[in-house]
PDB file of N, CA and C in Angstrom:
ATOM      1  N   MET A   1      47.132 110.864  56.713  1.00  0.00           N
ATOM      2  CA  MET A   1      47.780 110.790  57.778  1.00  0.00           C
ATOM      3  C   MET A   1      48.664 110.166  58.498  1.00  0.00           C
ATOM      4  N   ASN A   2      49.735 110.414  59.184  1.00  0.00           N
ATOM      5  CA  ASN A   2      50.909 109.873  59.839  1.00  0.00           C
ATOM      6  C   ASN A   2      50.326 109.719  61.127  1.00  0.00           C
ATOM      7  N   GLN A   3      50.369 108.587  61.444  1.00  0.00           N
ATOM      8  CA  GLN A   3      50.376 107.561  62.542  1.00  0.00           C
ATOM      9  C   GLN A   3      51.364 108.414  63.586  1.00  0.00           C
ATOM     10  N   PRO A   4      50.525 108.410  64.993  1.00  0.00           N
ATOM     11  CA  PRO A   4      51.835 108.783  66.000  1.00  0.00           C
ATOM     12  C   PRO A   4      52.658 107.643  66.433  1.00  0.00           C
ATOM     13  N   VAL A   5      54.004 108.076  66.766  1.00  0.00           N
ATOM     14  CA  VAL A   5      54.816 106.846  66.989  1.00  0.00           C
ATOM     15  C   VAL A   5      55.119 107.022  68.372  1.00  0.00           C
ATOM     16  N   LEU A   6      54.807 105.844  68.665  1.00  0.00           N
ATOM     17  CA  LEU A   6      55.087 105.250  70.629  1.00  0.00           C
ATOM     18  C   LEU A   6      56.488 105.096  70.711  1.00  0.00           C
ATOM     19  N   LYS A   7      57.218 105.736  71.530  1.00  0.00           N
ATOM     20  CA  LYS A   7      58.607 105.779  72.263  1.00  0.00           C
ATOM     21  C   LYS A   7      58.833 104.776  73.513  1.00  0.00           C
ATOM     22  N   LEU A   8      59.341 103.579  73.550  1.00  0.00           N
ATOM     23  CA  LEU A   8      59.353 103.200  74.748  1.00  0.00           C
ATOM     24  C   LEU A   8      60.539 103.883  75.495  1.00  0.00           C
ATOM     25  N   TYR A   9      60.578 104.419  77.066  1.00  0.00           N
ATOM     26  CA  TYR A   9      61.712 103.935  77.899  1.00  0.00           C
ATOM     27  C   TYR A   9      62.005 103.254  79.029  1.00  0.00           C
ATOM     28  N   ARG A  10      62.815 102.811  79.215  1.00  0.00           N
ATOM     29  CA  ARG A  10      62.936 102.046  79.938  1.00  0.00           C
ATOM     30  C   ARG A  10      63.960 102.508  81.057  1.00  0.00           C
ATOM     31  N   GLU A  11      63.412 102.332  82.553  1.00  0.00           N
ATOM     32  CA  GLU A  11      64.762 102.734  83.319  1.00  0.00           C
ATOM     33  C   GLU A  11      65.880 101.829  83.623  1.00  0.00           C
ATOM     34  N   GLU A  12      66.866 102.471  83.814  1.00  0.00           N
ATOM     35  CA  GLU A  12      67.967 101.822  83.932  1.00  0.00           C
ATOM     36  C   GLU A  12      67.848 100.503  85.415  1.00  0.00           C
ATOM     37  N   PRO A  13      67.906  99.448  84.929  1.00  0.00           N
ATOM     38  CA  PRO A  13      68.056  98.422  86.121  1.00  0.00           C
ATOM     39  C   PRO A  13      68.707  98.867  87.288  1.00  0.00           C
ATOM     40  N   ALA A  14      68.135  98.532  88.164  1.00  0.00           N
ATOM     41  CA  ALA A  14      68.610  99.148  89.556  1.00  0.00           C
ATOM     42  C   ALA A  14      70.228  98.473  89.759  1.00  0.00           C
ATOM     43  N   ARG A  15      71.547  99.056  90.262  1.00  0.00           N
ATOM     44  CA  ARG A  15      72.629  98.666  90.366  1.00  0.00           C
ATOM     45  C   ARG A  15      72.439  97.233  91.802  1.00  0.00           C
ATOM     46  N   GLN A  16      73.349  96.316  91.539  1.00  0.00           N
ATOM     47  CA  GLN A  16      72.954  94.972  92.445  1.00  0.00           C
ATOM     48  C   GLN A  16      74.114  95.334  93.548  1.00  0.00           C
ATOM     49  N   GLU A  17      74.236  94.680  94.468  1.00  0.00           N
ATOM     50  CA  GLU A  17      75.089  94.786  95.536  1.00  0.00           C
ATOM     51  C   GLU A  17      76.310  94.070  94.691  1.00  0.00           C
ATOM     52  N   SER A  18      76.748  93.358  94.020  1.00  0.00           N
ATOM     53  CA  SER A  18      77.778  92.602  93.906  1.00  0.00           C
ATOM     54  C   SER A  18      78.264  93.558  92.484  1.00  0.00           C
ATOM     55  N   SER A  19      77.762  94.675  92.079  1.00  0.00           N
ATOM     56  CA  SER A  19      78.691  95.259  90.891  1.00  0.00           C
ATOM     57  C   SER A  19      79.715  96.108  91.623  1.00  0.00           C
ATOM     58  N   PRO A  20      80.722  96.275  91.162  1.00  0.00           N
ATOM     59  CA  PRO A  20      81.589  97.033  91.124  1.00  0.00           C
ATOM     60  C   PRO A  20      80.882  98.866  91.176  1.00  0.00           C
ATOM     61  N   GLN A  21      81.584  99.429  92.350  1.00  0.00           N
ATOM     62  CA  GLN A  21      81.353 100.892  92.392  1.00  0.00           C
ATOM     63  C   GLN A  21      82.510 101.814  92.033  1.00  0.00           C
ATOM     64  N   VAL A  22      82.372 102.817  91.427  1.00  0.00           N
ATOM     65  CA  VAL A  22      83.276 103.552  90.878  1.00  0.00           C
ATOM     66  C   VAL A  22      84.033 104.303  92.523  1.00  0.00           C
ATOM     67  N   GLN A  23      85.423 103.953  92.252  1.00  0.00           N
ATOM     68  CA  GLN A  23      86.154 105.116  93.751  1.00  0.00           C
ATOM     69  C   GLN A  23      86.641 106.407  93.291  1.00  0.00           C
ATOM     70  N   VAL A  24      86.427 107.272  93.779  1.00  0.00           N
ATOM     71  CA  VAL A  24      87.312 108.626  93.645  1.00  0.00           C
ATOM     72  C   VAL A  24      88.508 108.980  94.635  1.00  0.00           C
ATOM     73  N   THR A  25      89.657 109.426  94.119  1.00  0.00           N
ATOM     74  CA  THR A  25      90.170 109.259  95.217  1.00  0.00           C
ATOM     75  C   THR A  25      90.588 111.472  95.441  1.00  0.00           C
ATOM     76  N   VAL A  26      90.234 112.083  96.538  1.00  0.00           N
ATOM     77  CA  VAL A  26      90.154 113.229  96.920  1.00  0.00           C
ATOM     78  C   VAL A  26      90.921 113.695  97.987  1.00  0.00           C
ATOM     79  N   SER A  27      91.105 114.928  98.151  1.00  0.00           N
ATOM     80  CA  SER A  27      92.233 114.705  99.591  1.00  0.00           C
ATOM     81  C   SER A  27      90.570 115.145 100.187  1.00  0.00           C
ATOM     82  N   LEU A  28      91.175 115.289 101.356  1.00  0.00           N
ATOM     83  CA  LEU A  28      90.341 115.550 102.905  1.00  0.00           C
ATOM     84  C   LEU A  28      89.871 117.017 103.025  1.00  0.00           C
ATOM     85  N   GLY A  29      91.151 118.049 102.711  1.00  0.00           N
ATOM     86  CA  GLY A  29      90.789 119.431 102.382  1.00  0.00           C
ATOM     87  C   GLY A  29      89.906 119.492 101.167  1.00  0.00           C
ATOM     88  N   GLU A  30      89.763 118.766 100.403  1.00  0.00           N
ATOM     89  CA  GLU A  30      88.685 119.135  99.398  1.00  0.00           C
ATOM     90  C   GLU A  30      87.522 118.463  99.293  1.00  0.00           C
ATOM     91  N   ILE A  31      86.826 117.755 100.600  1.00  0.00           N
ATOM     92  CA  ILE A  31      85.615 117.190 101.162  1.00  0.00           C
ATOM     93  C   ILE A  31      85.238 117.825 102.220  1.00  0.00           C
ATOM     94  N   LEU A  32      85.952 117.955 103.231  1.00  0.00           N
ATOM     95  CA  LEU A  32      85.759 118.314 104.550  1.00  0.00           C
ATOM     96  C   LEU A  32      84.989 118.988 104.985  1.00  0.00           C
ATOM     97  N   PRO A  33      85.237 120.600 103.888  1.00  0.00           N
ATOM     98  CA  PRO A  33      84.296 122.094 104.223  1.00  0.00           C
ATOM     99  C   PRO A  33      83.099 121.598 103.755  1.00  0.00           C
ATOM    100  N   LEU A  34      83.072 121.184 102.566  1.00  0.00           N
ATOM    101  CA  LEU A  34      81.444 120.124 102.301  1.00  0.00           C
ATOM    102  C   LEU A  34      80.682 119.371 103.168  1.00  0.00           C
ATOM    103  N   LEU A  35      81.687 118.827 103.750  1.00  0.00           N
ATOM    104  CA  LEU A  35      80.873 117.917 104.631  1.00  0.00           C
ATOM    105  C   LEU A  35      80.534 118.372 106.106  1.00  0.00           C
ATOM    106  N   ALA A  36      81.130 119.324 106.218  1.00  0.00           N
ATOM    107  CA  ALA A  36      81.284 119.902 107.474  1.00  0.00           C
ATOM    108  C   ALA A  36      79.824 120.811 107.512  1.00  0.00           C
ATOM    109  N   ASP A  37      79.806 121.463 106.503  1.00  0.00           N
ATOM    110  CA  ASP A  37      78.393 122.423 105.881  1.00  0.00           C
ATOM    111  C   ASP A  37      77.578 121.452 105.713  1.00  0.00           C
ATOM    112  N   ALA A  38      77.482 120.571 105.342  1.00  0.00           N
ATOM    113  CA  ALA A  38      76.025 119.278 105.129  1.00  0.00           C
ATOM    114  C   ALA A  38      75.717 118.903 106.432  1.00  0.00           C
ATOM    115  N   PHE A  39      76.868 118.588 107.259  1.00  0.00           N
ATOM    116  CA  PHE A  39      76.407 118.103 108.597  1.00  0.00           C
ATOM    117  C   PHE A  39      75.945 119.507 109.706  1.00  0.00           C
ATOM    118  N   GLU A  40      76.440 120.329 109.741  1.00  0.00           N
ATOM    119  CA  GLU A  40      76.015 121.504 110.592  1.00  0.00           C
ATOM    120  C   GLU A  40      74.267 122.291 109.637  1.00  0.00           C
ATOM    121  N   SER A  41      73.968 121.881 108.616  1.00  0.00           N
ATOM    122  CA  SER A  41      72.750 122.115 107.897  1.00  0.00           C
ATOM    123  C   SER A  41      71.880 121.384 108.003  1.00  0.00           C
ATOM    124  N   ARG A  42      72.349 120.181 108.451  1.00  0.00           N
ATOM    125  CA  ARG A  42      71.490 119.087 108.634  1.00  0.00           C
ATOM    126  C   ARG A  42      70.799 118.584 107.122  1.00  0.00           C
ATOM    127  N   ARG A  43      71.428 118.215 106.203  1.00  0.00           N
ATOM    128  CA  ARG A  43      71.150 117.787 104.963  1.00  0.00           C
ATOM    129  C   ARG A  43      70.867 116.353 105.166  1.00  0.00           C
ATOM    130  N   VAL A  44      69.951 116.268 104.913  1.00  0.00           N
ATOM    131  CA  VAL A  44      68.912 115.040 105.108  1.00  0.00           C
ATOM    132  C   VAL A  44      69.670 114.209 103.891  1.00  0.00           C
ATOM    133  N   TRP A  45      70.331 114.048 102.707  1.00  0.00           N
ATOM    134  CA  TRP A  45      71.269 113.536 101.980  1.00  0.00           C
ATOM    135  C   TRP A  45      72.210 113.123 102.229  1.00  0.00           C
ATOM    136  N   LEU A  46      72.763 113.677 103.529  1.00  0.00           N
ATOM    137  CA  LEU A  46      74.239 113.368 104.266  1.00  0.00           C
ATOM    138  C   LEU A  46      73.967 111.630 104.705  1.00  0.00           C
ATOM    139  N   HIS A  47      72.379 111.374 105.583  1.00  0.00           N
ATOM    140  CA  HIS A  47      72.180 109.930 106.139  1.00  0.00           C
ATOM    141  C   HIS A  47      72.304 108.933 104.945  1.00  0.00           C
ATOM    142  N   ASP A  48      71.820 109.175 103.348  1.00  0.00           N
ATOM    143  CA  ASP A  48      72.405 108.295 102.964  1.00  0.00           C
ATOM    144  C   ASP A  48      73.905 107.694 102.696  1.00  0.00           C
ATOM    145  N   PHE A  49      74.832 108.414 103.232  1.00  0.00           N
ATOM    146  CA  PHE A  49      75.823 107.585 102.912  1.00  0.00           C
ATOM    147  C   PHE A  49      76.461 107.709 104.236  1.00  0.00           C
ATOM    148  N   GLU A  50      75.606 107.375 105.557  1.00  0.00           N
ATOM    149  CA  GLU A  50      76.036 106.901 106.740  1.00  0.00           C
ATOM    150  C   GLU A  50      76.791 106.155 106.779  1.00  0.00           C
ATOM    151  N   HIS A  51      76.587 104.806 106.478  1.00  0.00           N
ATOM    152  CA  HIS A  51      76.502 103.497 106.644  1.00  0.00           C
ATOM    153  C   HIS A  51      78.121 103.115 105.413  1.00  0.00           C
ATOM    154  N   ASP A  52      77.946 104.178 104.699  1.00  0.00           N
ATOM    155  CA  ASP A  52      79.178 103.935 103.597  1.00  0.00           C
ATOM    156  C   ASP A  52      80.459 103.749 104.367  1.00  0.00           C
ATOM    157  N   PRO A  53      81.451 102.890 103.614  1.00  0.00           N
ATOM    158  CA  PRO A  53      82.541 102.766 104.067  1.00  0.00           C
ATOM    159  C   PRO A  53      83.501 103.696 103.558  1.00  0.00           C
ATOM    160  N   VAL A  54      84.364 104.196 104.505  1.00  0.00           N
ATOM    161  CA  VAL A  54      85.588 105.044 104.065  1.00  0.00           C
ATOM    162  C   VAL A  54      86.929 104.808 104.459  1.00  0.00           C
ATOM    163  N   THR A  55      87.998 104.829 103.657  1.00  0.00           N
ATOM    164  CA  THR A  55      89.197 104.722 103.436  1.00  0.00           C
ATOM    165  C   THR A  55      89.927 105.848 103.918  1.00  0.00           C
ATOM    166  N   ILE A  56      90.981 106.018 104.983  1.00  0.00           N
ATOM    167  CA  ILE A  56      91.950 106.817 105.557  1.00  0.00           C
ATOM    168  C   ILE A  56      93.124 106.346 105.568  1.00  0.00           C
ATOM    169  N   SER A  57      94.284 107.116 105.961  1.00  0.00           N
ATOM    170  CA  SER A  57      95.319 106.998 106.446  1.00  0.00           C
ATOM    171  C   SER A  57      95.285 106.114 108.099  1.00  0.00           C
ATOM    172  N   SER A  58      96.242 105.284 108.205  1.00  0.00           N
ATOM    173  CA  SER A  58      96.583 104.899 109.381  1.00  0.00           C
ATOM    174  C   SER A  58      96.840 106.283 110.177  1.00  0.00           C
ATOM    175  N   ASP A  59      97.903 107.092 109.857  1.00  0.00           N
ATOM    176  CA  ASP A  59      98.020 107.906 110.645  1.00  0.00           C
ATOM    177  C   ASP A  59      97.006 108.845 111.461  1.00  0.00           C
ATOM    178  N   LEU A  60      95.888 109.439 110.028  1.00  0.00           N
ATOM    179  CA  LEU A  60      95.135 110.100 110.256  1.00  0.00           C
ATOM    180  C   LEU A  60      94.313 109.221 111.269  1.00  0.00           C
ATOM    181  N   TYR A  61      94.184 108.087 111.595  1.00  0.00           N
ATOM    182  CA  TYR A  61      93.147 107.520 111.926  1.00  0.00           C
ATOM    183  C   TYR A  61      93.591 107.656 113.578  1.00  0.00           C
ATOM    184  N   GLU A  62      95.211 107.117 113.721  1.00  0.00           N
ATOM    185  CA  GLU A  62      95.440 107.200 114.921  1.00  0.00           C
ATOM    186  C   GLU A  62      95.094 108.664 115.580  1.00  0.00           C
ATOM    187  N   VAL A  63      95.007 109.640 114.978  1.00  0.00           N
ATOM    188  CA  VAL A  63      95.104 111.398 115.332  1.00  0.00           C
ATOM    189  C   VAL A  63      93.603 110.913 116.158  1.00  0.00           C
ATOM    190  N   LEU A  64      92.496 110.325 114.835  1.00  0.00           N
ATOM    191  CA  LEU A  64      91.258 110.499 115.662  1.00  0.00           C
ATOM    192  C   LEU A  64      91.004 110.180 116.915  1.00  0.00           C
ATOM    193  N   LEU A  65      91.455 108.814 116.822  1.00  0.00           N
ATOM    194  CA  LEU A  65      91.320 107.903 118.060  1.00  0.00           C
ATOM    195  C   LEU A  65      91.717 109.086 119.333  1.00  0.00           C
ATOM    196  N   ALA A  66      93.160 109.215 119.057  1.00  0.00           N
ATOM    197  CA  ALA A  66      93.720 110.115 120.159  1.00  0.00           C
ATOM    198  C   ALA A  66      92.465 111.277 120.609  1.00  0.00           C
ATOM    199  N   TYR A  67      92.249 111.900 119.704  1.00  0.00           N
ATOM    200  CA  TYR A  67      90.907 113.411 119.803  1.00  0.00           C
ATOM    201  C   TYR A  67      89.821 112.696 120.586  1.00  0.00           C
ATOM    202  N   ARG A  68      88.991 111.549 119.920  1.00  0.00           N
ATOM    203  CA  ARG A  68      87.992 110.995 120.667  1.00  0.00           C
ATOM    204  C   ARG A  68      88.343 110.789 122.048  1.00  0.00           C
ATOM    205  N   TYR A  69      89.330 110.667 122.648  1.00  0.00           N
ATOM    206  CA  TYR A  69      89.869 109.866 123.607  1.00  0.00           C
ATOM    207  C   TYR A  69      89.907 111.282 124.745  1.00  0.00           C
ATOM    208  N   TYR A  70      90.880 112.253 123.983  1.00  0.00           N
ATOM    209  CA  TYR A  70      91.253 113.436 124.903  1.00  0.00           C
ATOM    210  C   TYR A  70      90.336 114.545 124.789  1.00  0.00           C
ATOM    211  N   ARG A  71      88.563 114.213 124.301  1.00  0.00           N
ATOM    212  CA  ARG A  71      87.828 115.143 124.332  1.00  0.00           C
ATOM    213  C   ARG A  71      86.996 114.782 124.929  1.00  0.00           C
ATOM    214  N   ARG A  72      87.109 113.764 125.480  1.00  0.00           N
ATOM    215  CA  ARG A  72      85.982 113.225 126.390  1.00  0.00           C
ATOM    216  C   ARG A  72      85.947 114.491 127.345  1.00  0.00           C
ATOM    217  N   PRO A  73      84.752 114.607 128.260  1.00  0.00           N
ATOM    218  CA  PRO A  73      84.229 115.525 129.353  1.00  0.00           C
ATOM    219  C   PRO A  73      85.083 114.497 130.595  1.00  0.00           C
ATOM    220  N   GLY A  74      85.315 113.429 130.951  1.00  0.00           N
ATOM    221  CA  GLY A  74      86.171 112.912 132.079  1.00  0.00           C
ATOM    222  C   GLY A  74      87.209 112.630 131.532  1.00  0.00           C
ATOM    223  N   ALA A  75      87.963 113.305 130.679  1.00  0.00           N
ATOM    224  CA  ALA A  75      89.461 112.932 130.368  1.00  0.00           C
ATOM    225  C   ALA A  75      90.311 114.039 130.807  1.00  0.00           C
TER     226      ALA A  75
END
């Protein structure tokens, strides 16, 4: 009779904070509709990335600052 073979599966070790993360460059037009839908649908997974840094161009940053200022109710 053959003896059963025991296989061990180990979890991957958790990534440490100091390990480099893979970065992907995409256009805003590619991700904006998905992010907007996730936000409007109140997807819980979106909160997992709430504090992740995002790199944007300086001109987009200036436009966003101006938009934030002018959309204020008192402005």
